[in-house]
């Protein structure tokens, strides 16, 4: 408080607190929309970092006997590229979409636990900064994003000889990110199960909310495995235990079992929200209800259950018994069924629709096509004799990038173009968006498709260079050119983003003539989201509110 006297009259002037300033409001906010935007901004910032790491990798491998990076630096860049893209780009970005959209889609005022929501975001930001700061000390993680033992415990003679803090950065950083994910998952579960608008039964929820719910349960059940594995590794490194030390009757394969018990559900943690986003976008731009809503929703649940039964297909060559190989080969093939259900349903939604090829729809269709390739080569890896031939080769690199870039990243771009008007009230430029799409799609296939052939020709992954007499030269050159095309397409996206914020076209509240409740409010929404909590009577509540005369009640009132 302060006093000021004017004309003999003394008045009390209240000074604004820090939390009332513009910057303080963002730093101290518990509003799910602001936190969602902060997650998105943070995710895309780390996307730039991970992208630069990828370009350094491809610059090193553009020709035989590359000299751009030395072996140790290459291992650090390679490891941090995977960590950054998985833990610091895809997961926070999907969390950002979930934070912003789920309460709006459900007709809620906010997330169930706003302060926990804020806590989760700041853990992601500081965990990411902590991990990237390892470069400043020359101690960046260097054992792969999967941190395999004994690469992460030293030379195998004894774990306490491990030099440096490289692995410690990985353990502590991923633990911070894991705590954030647990907090966010609990928040999503309670919000979705308890804060839905009147009339919104489980079978009327938007499919994006369905997939966020399944993803949250996966995180809650999968992350403890990674936490336990990391804690045991920390004990091995610093307190002389021998969980993974084979010279003291420990078992290095224990790390792989524990890590992949988390790592394979993690693949679906990264892709299920992408499924949900595409399931919201395709019907709007096809002008049809989603085909097979129930199948899409419950196939997501089936994927969640099956994802815990397939982890050892990453370990076919470690000497598993034949019965174990048969089981995991079978379960890996089975998980393709609920995934294929979604692809058929998306295609069936488009068939006979009045398709509008706007940028969000282009990215959604690109997602379906690219993820199909990633799914098919994943099924190939489930065939044990074939897996023996290509395991730890560039074929596996091609597979994971078709799944996570062709899958998660393309869906994220689709969602960004689709919901950007809701976030900002402005429309991203359509022409620049199409340049982004086509350059990115061409660059992606030019980068990752040759990696299938490199793998079959025997090029191992995680090598920092290669000789020039093995027939790999042209394919590596193609992959590197494609990577820089992807980089160019991302620069177009960021230019589009900045130009739109500065001089973009006004979007209005409902630019796509959309179906779901987040569009039944202003763009961007007010702090309270809805003036009145909506009452839901169908699976397309906003569309049927706009067009009651054409509402397909038989389709939507179950």
Protein backbone atom coordinates (compact mmCIF):
# COMPACT_ATOMS: atom_id res chain seq x y z
CA UNK A 1 0.00 0.00 0.00
CA UNK A 2 1.05 3.60 -0.60
CA UNK A 3 -0.59 7.01 -0.02
CA UNK A 4 -0.79 9.92 -2.37
CA UNK A 5 -2.10 13.44 -1.70
CA UNK A 6 -3.79 15.48 -4.45
CA UNK A 7 -5.37 18.86 -3.64
CA UNK A 8 -5.30 18.20 0.05
CA UNK A 9 -7.04 14.83 -0.33
CA UNK A 10 -5.09 11.74 0.70
CA UNK A 11 -5.90 8.50 -1.02
CA UNK A 12 -4.56 5.00 -0.55
CA UNK A 13 -3.03 3.55 -3.70
CA UNK A 14 -2.81 -0.21 -3.90
CA UNK A 15 0.27 -1.48 -5.68
CA UNK A 16 -0.19 -4.39 -7.99
CA UNK A 17 1.24 -7.64 -6.73
CA UNK A 18 3.64 -9.64 -8.88
CA UNK A 19 0.93 -12.16 -9.72
CA UNK A 20 -1.19 -9.34 -11.17
CA UNK A 21 1.50 -8.24 -13.62
CA UNK A 22 1.50 -9.69 -17.15
CA UNK A 23 4.56 -11.88 -16.60
CA UNK A 24 3.56 -12.77 -13.05
CA UNK A 25 0.10 -13.82 -14.23
CA UNK A 26 1.63 -16.37 -16.61
CA UNK A 27 4.19 -17.62 -14.10
CA UNK A 28 1.67 -18.09 -11.27
CA UNK A 29 -1.32 -19.14 -13.36
CA UNK A 30 -3.39 -22.24 -12.67
CA UNK A 31 -5.68 -21.68 -15.67
CA UNK A 32 -5.67 -24.84 -17.78
CA UNK A 33 -5.66 -22.81 -21.02
CA UNK A 34 -2.57 -20.80 -20.15
CA UNK A 35 -0.81 -23.90 -18.88
CA UNK A 36 -1.77 -25.71 -22.09
CA UNK A 37 -0.21 -22.92 -24.16
CA UNK A 38 2.89 -22.96 -21.97
CA UNK A 39 3.21 -26.72 -22.49
CA UNK A 40 2.85 -26.20 -26.26
CA UNK A 41 5.42 -23.40 -26.35
CA UNK A 42 7.87 -25.45 -24.27
CA UNK A 43 7.31 -28.56 -26.41
CA UNK A 44 7.95 -26.71 -29.67
CA UNK A 45 11.01 -24.98 -28.20
CA UNK A 46 12.50 -28.38 -27.41
CA UNK A 47 11.34 -29.57 -30.86
CA UNK A 48 13.73 -26.99 -32.33
CA UNK A 49 16.51 -28.24 -30.07
CA UNK A 50 15.85 -31.88 -30.97
CA UNK A 51 15.62 -30.95 -34.64
CA UNK A 52 19.03 -29.26 -34.56
CA UNK A 53 20.44 -32.37 -32.90
CA UNK A 54 18.94 -34.47 -35.71
CA UNK A 55 20.51 -32.24 -38.37
CA UNK A 56 23.92 -32.61 -36.70
CA UNK A 57 23.48 -36.41 -36.83
CA UNK A 58 22.58 -36.33 -40.52
CA UNK A 59 25.42 -33.88 -41.28
CA UNK A 60 27.84 -36.35 -39.70
CA UNK A 61 26.41 -39.23 -41.80
CA UNK A 62 26.01 -37.38 -45.10
CA UNK A 63 29.15 -39.07 -46.44
CA UNK A 64 31.56 -41.84 -45.41
CA UNK A 65 34.13 -41.11 -42.72
CA UNK A 66 32.37 -37.91 -41.64
CA UNK A 67 34.30 -35.45 -39.49
CA UNK A 68 31.52 -33.11 -38.29
CA UNK A 69 31.33 -34.73 -34.84
CA UNK A 70 33.80 -36.80 -32.86
CA UNK A 71 32.57 -40.18 -31.56
CA UNK A 72 31.85 -39.01 -27.99
CA UNK A 73 29.97 -35.90 -29.11
CA UNK A 74 28.03 -37.95 -31.64
CA UNK A 75 26.91 -40.36 -28.91
CA UNK A 76 25.76 -37.44 -26.77
CA UNK A 77 23.89 -35.76 -29.65
CA UNK A 78 22.33 -39.06 -30.72
CA UNK A 79 21.16 -39.82 -27.18
CA UNK A 80 19.81 -36.35 -26.47
CA UNK A 81 17.97 -36.25 -29.81
CA UNK A 82 15.93 -39.27 -28.76
CA UNK A 83 15.41 -38.03 -25.19
CA UNK A 84 14.42 -34.56 -26.40
CA UNK A 85 11.97 -35.67 -29.06
CA UNK A 86 10.24 -38.30 -26.92
CA UNK A 87 10.27 -36.81 -23.42
CA UNK A 88 10.50 -33.08 -24.17
CA UNK A 89 8.63 -32.60 -27.46
CA UNK A 90 5.93 -35.20 -28.07
CA UNK A 91 4.87 -35.80 -24.46
CA UNK A 92 4.70 -32.13 -23.33
CA UNK A 93 3.06 -31.06 -26.59
CA UNK A 94 0.34 -33.69 -26.31
CA UNK A 95 -0.06 -32.71 -22.65
CA UNK A 96 -0.50 -29.14 -23.83
CA UNK A 97 -3.29 -30.05 -26.22
CA UNK A 98 -4.88 -32.15 -23.49
CA UNK A 99 -4.66 -29.41 -20.87
CA UNK A 100 -6.15 -26.79 -23.15
CA UNK A 101 -8.84 -28.87 -24.84
CA UNK A 102 -10.08 -31.58 -22.49
CA UNK A 103 -11.94 -29.28 -20.04
CA UNK A 104 -13.43 -27.36 -22.98
CA UNK A 105 -14.49 -30.56 -24.74
CA UNK A 106 -16.08 -31.84 -21.53
CA UNK A 107 -17.88 -28.56 -20.76
CA UNK A 108 -15.84 -28.04 -17.59
CA UNK A 109 -14.47 -24.86 -16.02
CA UNK A 110 -10.93 -26.15 -15.47
CA UNK A 111 -8.92 -29.26 -14.67
CA UNK A 112 -9.77 -31.07 -11.44
CA UNK A 113 -6.53 -30.04 -9.68
CA UNK A 114 -5.32 -26.68 -11.06
CA UNK A 115 -2.32 -26.34 -8.73
CA UNK A 116 -1.15 -29.87 -9.53
CA UNK A 117 -1.49 -28.90 -13.18
CA UNK A 118 0.87 -25.97 -12.68
CA UNK A 119 3.27 -28.17 -10.71
CA UNK A 120 3.43 -30.64 -13.59
CA UNK A 121 4.30 -27.98 -16.14
CA UNK A 122 7.15 -26.45 -14.13
CA UNK A 123 8.64 -29.90 -13.59
CA UNK A 124 8.68 -30.42 -17.37
CA UNK A 125 10.33 -27.06 -18.00
CA UNK A 126 13.01 -27.43 -15.33
CA UNK A 127 13.54 -31.13 -16.12
CA UNK A 128 14.14 -30.22 -19.76
CA UNK A 129 16.51 -27.40 -18.89
CA UNK A 130 18.34 -29.73 -16.51
CA UNK A 131 18.80 -32.37 -19.22
CA UNK A 132 19.95 -29.91 -21.89
CA UNK A 133 22.31 -28.17 -19.44
CA UNK A 134 24.37 -31.38 -19.40
CA UNK A 135 25.95 -30.15 -22.66
CA UNK A 136 27.38 -27.13 -20.81
CA UNK A 137 29.36 -29.48 -18.58
CA UNK A 138 30.38 -31.87 -21.37
CA UNK A 139 28.39 -34.54 -19.54
CA UNK A 140 25.37 -35.10 -21.79
CA UNK A 141 23.83 -38.61 -21.63
CA UNK A 142 25.58 -40.82 -24.16
CA UNK A 143 24.16 -44.36 -23.81
CA UNK A 144 21.10 -43.99 -26.09
CA UNK A 145 17.66 -42.74 -25.11
CA UNK A 146 17.06 -46.25 -23.72
CA UNK A 147 20.24 -46.02 -21.57
CA UNK A 148 21.13 -49.71 -21.94
CA UNK A 149 23.25 -51.45 -19.34
CA UNK A 150 26.26 -51.90 -19.41
CA UNK A 151 26.65 -48.79 -21.62
CA UNK A 152 25.26 -46.76 -18.73
CA UNK A 153 27.28 -48.45 -15.97
CA UNK A 154 30.85 -48.43 -17.28
CA UNK A 155 33.10 -51.02 -18.88
CA UNK A 156 31.56 -54.04 -17.21
CA UNK A 157 34.44 -54.70 -14.81
CA UNK A 158 32.72 -52.87 -11.98
CA UNK A 159 29.95 -50.31 -12.07
CA UNK A 160 31.74 -47.82 -9.80
CA UNK A 161 34.38 -47.12 -12.46
CA UNK A 162 31.78 -45.28 -14.59
CA UNK A 163 33.29 -41.92 -15.50
CA UNK A 164 31.35 -38.68 -15.43
CA UNK A 165 27.76 -37.73 -14.71
CA UNK A 166 26.31 -38.47 -18.15
CA UNK A 167 23.95 -41.19 -17.01
CA UNK A 168 23.13 -39.34 -13.78
CA UNK A 169 21.73 -36.46 -15.85
CA UNK A 170 19.55 -38.98 -17.71
CA UNK A 171 18.31 -40.64 -14.51
CA UNK A 172 17.50 -37.45 -12.62
CA UNK A 173 16.08 -35.62 -15.64
CA UNK A 174 13.74 -38.43 -16.69
CA UNK A 175 12.68 -38.89 -13.06
CA UNK A 176 11.59 -35.23 -12.89
CA UNK A 177 9.68 -35.66 -16.14
CA UNK A 178 8.13 -38.88 -14.81
CA UNK A 179 6.83 -37.14 -11.68
CA UNK A 180 5.28 -34.49 -13.94
CA UNK A 181 3.62 -37.19 -16.05
CA UNK A 182 2.17 -38.92 -12.97
CA UNK A 183 0.72 -35.63 -11.70
CA UNK A 184 -0.74 -34.82 -15.11
CA UNK A 185 -2.19 -38.31 -15.55
CA UNK A 186 -4.01 -38.24 -12.20
CA UNK A 187 -5.39 -34.84 -13.12
CA UNK A 188 -6.67 -36.05 -16.49
CA UNK A 189 -8.25 -39.19 -15.03
CA UNK A 190 -10.19 -37.30 -12.36
CA UNK A 191 -11.17 -34.48 -14.74
CA UNK A 192 -12.49 -36.84 -17.41
CA UNK A 193 -14.30 -39.17 -15.01
CA UNK A 194 -15.77 -36.50 -12.70
CA UNK A 195 -16.12 -33.13 -14.46
CA UNK A 196 -18.06 -33.94 -17.62
CA UNK A 197 -20.99 -31.68 -18.48
CA UNK A 198 -24.54 -32.86 -17.69
CA UNK A 199 -25.62 -35.46 -20.22
CA UNK A 200 -22.09 -36.30 -21.41
CA UNK A 201 -21.95 -40.02 -20.73
CA UNK A 202 -18.77 -41.96 -21.35
CA UNK A 203 -20.13 -42.98 -24.75
CA UNK A 204 -20.68 -39.34 -25.72
CA UNK A 205 -17.19 -38.11 -24.87
CA UNK A 206 -15.08 -36.72 -27.72
CA UNK A 207 -12.62 -39.33 -28.94
CA UNK A 208 -9.68 -37.09 -28.07
CA UNK A 209 -10.79 -37.20 -24.42
CA UNK A 210 -11.13 -40.98 -24.67
CA UNK A 211 -7.54 -41.34 -25.89
CA UNK A 212 -6.21 -38.93 -23.25
CA UNK A 213 -7.94 -41.07 -20.60
CA UNK A 214 -6.36 -44.29 -21.89
CA UNK A 215 -2.97 -42.58 -22.19
CA UNK A 216 -3.23 -41.39 -18.57
CA UNK A 217 -3.88 -44.90 -17.27
CA UNK A 218 -0.95 -46.20 -19.33
CA UNK A 219 1.35 -43.64 -17.75
CA UNK A 220 0.15 -44.47 -14.25
CA UNK A 221 0.86 -48.17 -14.73
CA UNK A 222 3.98 -47.97 -16.94
CA UNK A 223 6.09 -45.26 -15.30
CA UNK A 224 6.77 -47.15 -12.03
CA UNK A 225 8.79 -49.70 -14.04
CA UNK A 226 11.09 -46.98 -15.39
CA UNK A 227 11.36 -45.33 -11.97
CA UNK A 228 12.39 -48.57 -10.28
CA UNK A 229 14.88 -49.39 -13.05
CA UNK A 230 16.44 -45.92 -12.82
CA UNK A 231 16.65 -46.00 -9.02
CA UNK A 232 18.41 -49.37 -9.12
CA UNK A 233 20.83 -48.02 -11.72
CA UNK A 234 21.58 -45.02 -9.51
CA UNK A 235 22.29 -47.39 -6.60
CA UNK A 236 24.58 -49.48 -8.81
CA UNK A 237 26.51 -46.42 -9.91
CA UNK A 238 26.97 -44.72 -6.55
CA UNK A 239 26.33 -47.12 -3.66
CA UNK A 240 27.98 -50.30 -4.89
CA UNK A 241 24.91 -52.48 -5.43
CA UNK A 242 24.98 -55.06 -8.21
CA UNK A 243 21.51 -55.25 -9.75
CA UNK A 244 22.93 -55.02 -13.29
CA UNK A 245 26.59 -55.99 -12.71
CA UNK A 246 27.14 -59.40 -14.32
CA UNK A 247 30.55 -59.73 -12.61
CA UNK A 248 28.71 -59.87 -9.26
CA UNK A 249 25.83 -62.12 -10.36
CA UNK A 250 23.68 -59.19 -11.43
CA UNK A 251 21.74 -59.30 -14.69
CA UNK A 252 22.19 -56.64 -17.42
CA UNK A 253 19.06 -57.95 -19.13
CA UNK A 254 17.02 -56.90 -16.10
CA UNK A 255 17.41 -53.32 -17.30
CA UNK A 256 15.98 -54.20 -20.71
CA UNK A 257 12.98 -55.99 -19.19
CA UNK A 258 12.21 -53.13 -16.81
CA UNK A 259 12.87 -50.41 -19.38
CA UNK A 260 10.77 -51.93 -22.15
CA UNK A 261 7.97 -52.71 -19.69
CA UNK A 262 7.71 -48.92 -19.70
CA UNK A 263 9.11 -48.31 -23.18
CA UNK A 264 6.53 -50.13 -25.23
CA UNK A 265 3.47 -48.73 -23.48
CA UNK A 266 5.33 -45.42 -23.98
CA UNK A 267 4.96 -45.83 -27.76
CA UNK A 268 1.19 -45.88 -27.31
CA UNK A 269 1.36 -43.07 -24.75
CA UNK A 270 2.87 -41.04 -27.58
CA UNK A 271 0.45 -42.18 -30.29
CA UNK A 272 -2.98 -42.60 -28.62
CA UNK A 273 -3.61 -38.84 -28.19
CA UNK A 274 -2.55 -38.46 -31.82
CA UNK A 275 -5.25 -41.02 -32.72
CA UNK A 276 -7.73 -38.92 -30.79
CA UNK A 277 -6.76 -35.70 -32.55
CA UNK A 278 -7.10 -37.26 -35.99
CA UNK A 279 -10.44 -38.77 -34.93
CA UNK A 280 -11.71 -35.23 -34.22
CA UNK A 281 -10.31 -33.63 -37.39
CA UNK A 282 -11.26 -36.14 -40.10
CA UNK A 283 -15.04 -36.07 -39.43
CA UNK A 284 -15.16 -32.26 -39.46
CA UNK A 285 -13.42 -32.00 -42.84
CA UNK A 286 -15.38 -34.95 -44.24
CA UNK A 287 -18.69 -33.41 -43.07
CA UNK A 288 -19.73 -36.76 -41.58
CA UNK A 289 -19.94 -38.28 -38.10
CA UNK A 290 -17.01 -40.52 -37.29
CA UNK A 291 -17.56 -44.03 -38.60
CA UNK A 292 -17.55 -46.60 -35.80
CA UNK A 293 -17.22 -44.32 -32.76
CA UNK A 294 -17.54 -47.25 -30.34
CA UNK A 295 -14.94 -49.32 -32.18
CA UNK A 296 -12.44 -46.46 -32.17
CA UNK A 297 -12.98 -45.74 -28.48
CA UNK A 298 -12.75 -49.31 -27.25
CA UNK A 299 -9.96 -50.28 -29.64
CA UNK A 300 -7.96 -47.60 -27.84
CA UNK A 301 -8.68 -49.40 -24.57
CA UNK A 302 -7.66 -52.71 -26.17
CA UNK A 303 -4.38 -51.17 -27.35
CA UNK A 304 -3.77 -49.99 -23.79
CA UNK A 305 -4.17 -53.49 -22.37
CA UNK A 306 -2.17 -55.22 -25.10
CA UNK A 307 0.68 -52.70 -24.91
CA UNK A 308 1.76 -54.28 -21.62
CA UNK A 309 2.13 -57.71 -23.23
CA UNK A 310 4.59 -56.95 -26.05
CA UNK A 311 7.71 -55.45 -24.43
CA UNK A 312 10.10 -58.34 -25.14
CA UNK A 313 9.76 -58.08 -28.92
CA UNK A 314 12.60 -55.55 -28.45
CA UNK A 315 14.67 -58.42 -27.06
CA UNK A 316 14.30 -61.29 -29.51
CA UNK A 317 18.08 -61.56 -30.04
CA UNK A 318 19.09 -61.64 -26.36
CA UNK A 319 18.48 -65.38 -26.01
CA UNK A 320 14.84 -65.60 -24.93
CA UNK A 321 13.36 -69.12 -24.76
CA UNK A 322 11.42 -70.16 -27.85
CA UNK A 323 8.11 -70.13 -25.97
CA UNK A 324 8.73 -66.51 -24.92
CA UNK A 325 9.59 -65.54 -28.48
CA UNK A 326 6.40 -67.17 -29.73
CA UNK A 327 4.28 -65.41 -27.11
CA UNK A 328 5.67 -61.93 -27.77
CA UNK A 329 5.57 -62.40 -31.54
CA UNK A 330 1.89 -63.36 -31.24
CA UNK A 331 0.96 -60.51 -28.90
CA UNK A 332 2.78 -57.99 -31.12
CA UNK A 333 0.82 -59.21 -34.14
CA UNK A 334 -2.44 -59.07 -32.17
CA UNK A 335 -1.96 -55.43 -31.21
CA UNK A 336 -2.07 -54.59 -34.91
CA UNK A 337 -5.77 -55.52 -34.96
CA UNK A 338 -7.21 -52.67 -32.83
CA UNK A 339 -4.81 -50.30 -34.57
CA UNK A 340 -6.03 -51.42 -37.99
CA UNK A 341 -9.62 -50.92 -36.80
CA UNK A 342 -8.90 -47.22 -36.37
CA UNK A 343 -7.32 -46.89 -39.80
CA UNK A 344 -10.31 -48.58 -41.49
CA UNK A 345 -12.71 -46.35 -39.55
CA UNK A 346 -10.88 -43.17 -40.55
CA UNK A 347 -10.93 -44.25 -44.19
CA UNK A 348 -14.62 -45.20 -43.95
CA UNK A 349 -15.34 -41.76 -42.48
CA UNK A 350 -13.76 -40.11 -45.51
CA UNK A 351 -15.45 -42.38 -48.07
CA UNK A 352 -18.58 -40.66 -49.34
CA UNK A 353 -17.83 -37.48 -47.40
CA UNK A 354 -17.57 -33.96 -48.76
CA UNK A 355 -13.86 -33.71 -48.05
CA UNK A 356 -12.32 -30.27 -47.64
CA UNK A 357 -8.56 -30.44 -48.14
CA UNK A 358 -7.63 -27.73 -45.70
CA UNK A 359 -4.22 -27.94 -44.03
CA UNK A 360 -5.46 -29.78 -40.88
CA UNK A 361 -7.05 -32.43 -43.09
CA UNK A 362 -3.91 -32.78 -45.21
CA UNK A 363 -1.84 -33.48 -42.12
CA UNK A 364 -4.49 -35.89 -40.81
CA UNK A 365 -4.48 -37.84 -44.09
CA UNK A 366 -0.67 -37.76 -44.10
CA UNK A 367 -0.76 -39.16 -40.59
CA UNK A 368 -2.95 -42.09 -41.65
CA UNK A 369 -0.67 -42.93 -44.59
CA UNK A 370 2.64 -42.58 -42.75
CA UNK A 371 1.47 -44.36 -39.63
CA UNK A 372 0.24 -47.21 -41.83
CA UNK A 373 3.79 -47.63 -43.15
CA UNK A 374 5.15 -47.54 -39.60
CA UNK A 375 2.59 -50.11 -38.50
CA UNK A 376 3.35 -52.48 -41.35
CA UNK A 377 7.09 -52.46 -40.81
CA UNK A 378 6.36 -52.92 -37.09
CA UNK A 379 4.43 -56.08 -37.90
CA UNK A 380 7.43 -57.21 -39.97
CA UNK A 381 9.62 -56.79 -36.88
CA UNK A 382 7.23 -59.08 -34.98
CA UNK A 383 8.36 -61.95 -37.25
CA UNK A 384 11.23 -63.41 -35.24
CA UNK A 385 13.49 -64.63 -38.13
CA UNK A 386 13.18 -61.25 -39.87
CA UNK A 387 13.82 -59.41 -36.62
CA UNK A 388 17.02 -61.44 -36.21
CA UNK A 389 18.26 -60.01 -39.51
CA UNK A 390 17.45 -56.32 -38.95
CA UNK A 391 17.50 -55.80 -35.18
CA UNK A 392 19.68 -52.87 -34.10
CA UNK A 393 19.91 -51.79 -37.73
CA UNK A 394 18.62 -48.72 -39.53
CA UNK A 395 15.45 -50.65 -40.35
CA UNK A 396 14.43 -50.13 -36.72
CA UNK A 397 15.31 -46.43 -36.98
CA UNK A 398 12.99 -46.19 -40.00
CA UNK A 399 10.21 -47.94 -38.09
CA UNK A 400 10.29 -45.72 -35.01
CA UNK A 401 10.42 -42.54 -37.09
CA UNK A 402 7.46 -43.54 -39.25
CA UNK A 403 5.55 -44.21 -36.05
CA UNK A 404 6.65 -41.17 -34.03
CA UNK A 405 7.31 -38.56 -36.72
CA UNK A 406 4.90 -39.84 -39.34
CA UNK A 407 2.48 -40.57 -36.51
CA UNK A 408 2.74 -38.29 -33.49
CA UNK A 409 4.41 -35.28 -35.14
CA UNK A 410 2.07 -35.13 -38.17
CA UNK A 411 -0.94 -35.42 -35.87
CA UNK A 412 0.48 -32.63 -33.70
CA UNK A 413 0.82 -30.43 -36.78
CA UNK A 414 -2.76 -31.31 -37.79
CA UNK A 415 -3.97 -30.38 -34.32
CA UNK A 416 -1.97 -27.15 -34.31
CA UNK A 417 -3.51 -25.93 -37.57
CA UNK A 418 -6.99 -27.08 -36.48
CA UNK A 419 -7.04 -25.61 -32.95
CA UNK A 420 -4.77 -22.60 -33.49
CA UNK A 421 -7.85 -20.41 -34.16
CA UNK A 422 -9.25 -21.50 -30.81
CA UNK A 423 -5.96 -20.75 -29.05
CA UNK A 424 -5.39 -17.31 -30.58
CA UNK A 425 -8.49 -16.18 -32.50
CA UNK A 426 -6.42 -16.08 -35.70
CA UNK A 427 -6.02 -18.37 -38.72
CA UNK A 428 -2.63 -19.72 -39.76
CA UNK A 429 -1.89 -18.95 -43.42
CA UNK A 430 -3.27 -21.72 -45.63
CA UNK A 431 -0.71 -21.34 -48.41
CA UNK A 432 2.26 -21.48 -46.06
CA UNK A 433 0.61 -24.41 -44.30
CA UNK A 434 0.49 -26.38 -47.54
CA UNK A 435 4.16 -25.62 -48.21
CA UNK A 436 4.90 -26.91 -44.71
CA UNK A 437 2.91 -30.08 -45.36
CA UNK A 438 4.30 -31.01 -48.76
CA UNK A 439 7.94 -30.19 -47.99
CA UNK A 440 7.67 -32.03 -44.67
CA UNK A 441 6.03 -35.09 -46.23
CA UNK A 442 8.57 -35.31 -49.06
CA UNK A 443 11.44 -34.69 -46.65
CA UNK A 444 10.17 -37.32 -44.22
CA UNK A 445 9.95 -40.05 -46.84
CA UNK A 446 13.28 -39.04 -48.37
CA UNK A 447 14.86 -39.28 -44.91
CA UNK A 448 13.33 -42.38 -43.41
CA UNK A 449 12.32 -44.64 -46.29
CA UNK A 450 15.94 -45.26 -47.42
CA UNK A 451 16.69 -46.33 -43.85
CA UNK A 452 14.68 -49.52 -44.46
CA UNK A 453 17.14 -50.43 -47.21
CA UNK A 454 20.13 -49.34 -45.15
CA UNK A 455 18.98 -51.71 -42.41
CA UNK A 456 18.51 -54.61 -44.79
CA UNK A 457 21.95 -53.87 -46.23
CA UNK A 458 23.38 -54.19 -42.72
CA UNK A 459 24.01 -50.65 -41.51
CA UNK A 460 23.83 -50.74 -37.70
CA UNK A 461 22.22 -47.88 -35.83
CA UNK A 462 24.19 -45.83 -33.28
CA UNK A 463 27.36 -45.76 -35.44
CA UNK A 464 28.97 -42.35 -35.83
CA UNK A 465 30.52 -43.05 -39.25
CA UNK A 466 30.75 -45.72 -41.94
CA UNK A 467 33.23 -46.82 -44.62
CA UNK A 468 32.59 -45.89 -48.23
CA UNK A 469 32.71 -49.38 -49.77
CA UNK A 470 29.51 -50.97 -48.39
CA UNK A 471 26.89 -49.51 -50.73
CA UNK A 472 25.44 -47.15 -48.12
CA UNK A 473 26.68 -43.83 -49.51
CA UNK A 474 23.79 -42.77 -51.75
CA UNK A 475 21.11 -43.85 -49.28
CA UNK A 476 22.73 -41.86 -46.47
CA UNK A 477 23.04 -38.84 -48.74
CA UNK A 478 19.30 -39.09 -49.56
CA UNK A 479 18.44 -39.35 -45.87
CA UNK A 480 20.50 -36.28 -45.01
CA UNK A 481 18.99 -34.20 -47.83
CA UNK A 482 15.52 -35.22 -46.63
CA UNK A 483 16.35 -34.22 -43.05
CA UNK A 484 17.27 -30.69 -44.15
CA UNK A 485 14.02 -30.54 -46.15
CA UNK A 486 12.14 -31.35 -42.94
CA UNK A 487 14.11 -28.57 -41.24
CA UNK A 488 13.07 -26.13 -43.97
CA UNK A 489 9.41 -27.13 -43.59
CA UNK A 490 9.58 -26.52 -39.83
CA UNK A 491 11.06 -23.06 -40.45
CA UNK A 492 8.04 -22.31 -42.65
CA UNK A 493 5.77 -23.36 -39.77
CA UNK A 494 7.50 -21.04 -37.32
CA UNK A 495 7.46 -18.14 -39.81
CA UNK A 496 3.73 -18.79 -40.34
CA UNK A 497 3.20 -18.81 -36.59
CA UNK A 498 5.00 -15.51 -35.98
CA UNK A 499 3.46 -13.77 -39.01
CA UNK A 500 -0.03 -14.91 -38.01
CA UNK A 501 0.30 -13.65 -34.45
CA UNK A 502 1.42 -10.30 -35.83
CA UNK A 503 -0.92 -9.76 -38.78
CA UNK A 504 -3.09 -12.88 -39.02
CA UNK A 505 -6.62 -13.08 -40.30
CA UNK A 506 -9.32 -13.12 -37.62
CA UNK A 507 -10.77 -16.60 -37.21
CA UNK A 508 -14.11 -16.08 -35.50
CA UNK A 509 -15.40 -18.49 -32.91
CA UNK A 510 -16.15 -21.44 -35.24
CA UNK A 511 -14.09 -21.23 -38.46
CA UNK A 512 -14.39 -24.95 -39.33
CA UNK A 513 -18.13 -25.44 -38.64
CA UNK A 514 -16.97 -27.93 -36.01
CA UNK A 515 -18.72 -30.59 -33.92
CA UNK A 516 -17.48 -30.45 -30.33
CA UNK A 517 -17.96 -28.17 -27.33
CA UNK A 518 -14.63 -26.33 -27.39
CA UNK A 519 -15.98 -24.39 -30.38
CA UNK A 520 -19.14 -23.39 -28.50
CA UNK A 521 -17.34 -20.50 -26.82
CA UNK A 522 -15.24 -17.52 -27.78
CA UNK A 523 -11.85 -17.81 -29.48
CA UNK A 524 -9.78 -17.63 -27.35
CA UNK A 525 -12.13 -18.67 -24.54
CA UNK A 526 -12.81 -16.55 -21.47
CA UNK A 527 -11.18 -17.54 -18.19
CA UNK A 528 -14.37 -19.28 -17.08
CA UNK A 529 -14.71 -21.17 -20.44
CA UNK A 530 -18.53 -21.22 -20.64
CA UNK A 531 -20.99 -18.59 -19.48
CA UNK A 532 -23.33 -21.48 -18.71
CA UNK A 533 -22.32 -25.13 -18.41
CA UNK A 534 -23.70 -26.81 -21.55
CA UNK A 535 -26.13 -29.72 -21.48
CA UNK A 536 -25.08 -32.54 -23.80
CA UNK A 537 -27.56 -34.68 -25.73
CA UNK A 538 -25.37 -36.22 -28.43
CA UNK A 539 -21.85 -37.08 -29.52
CA UNK A 540 -21.71 -33.92 -31.65
CA UNK A 541 -23.23 -31.46 -29.20
CA UNK A 542 -22.17 -28.21 -30.82
CA UNK A 543 -23.01 -29.30 -34.37
CA UNK A 544 -26.43 -30.56 -33.36
CA UNK A 545 -27.05 -27.37 -31.44
CA UNK A 546 -26.34 -25.40 -34.62
CA UNK A 547 -28.34 -27.70 -36.92
CA UNK A 548 -31.10 -29.37 -34.86
CA UNK A 549 -33.09 -30.08 -38.02
CA UNK A 550 -30.37 -32.45 -39.34
CA UNK A 551 -29.23 -34.00 -36.08
CA UNK A 552 -28.89 -37.76 -36.52
CA UNK A 553 -30.39 -38.74 -33.18
CA UNK A 554 -30.29 -42.46 -33.92
CA UNK A 555 -26.56 -42.14 -34.48
CA UNK A 556 -25.68 -39.96 -31.52
CA UNK A 557 -28.00 -40.63 -28.56
CA UNK A 558 -26.62 -43.95 -27.32
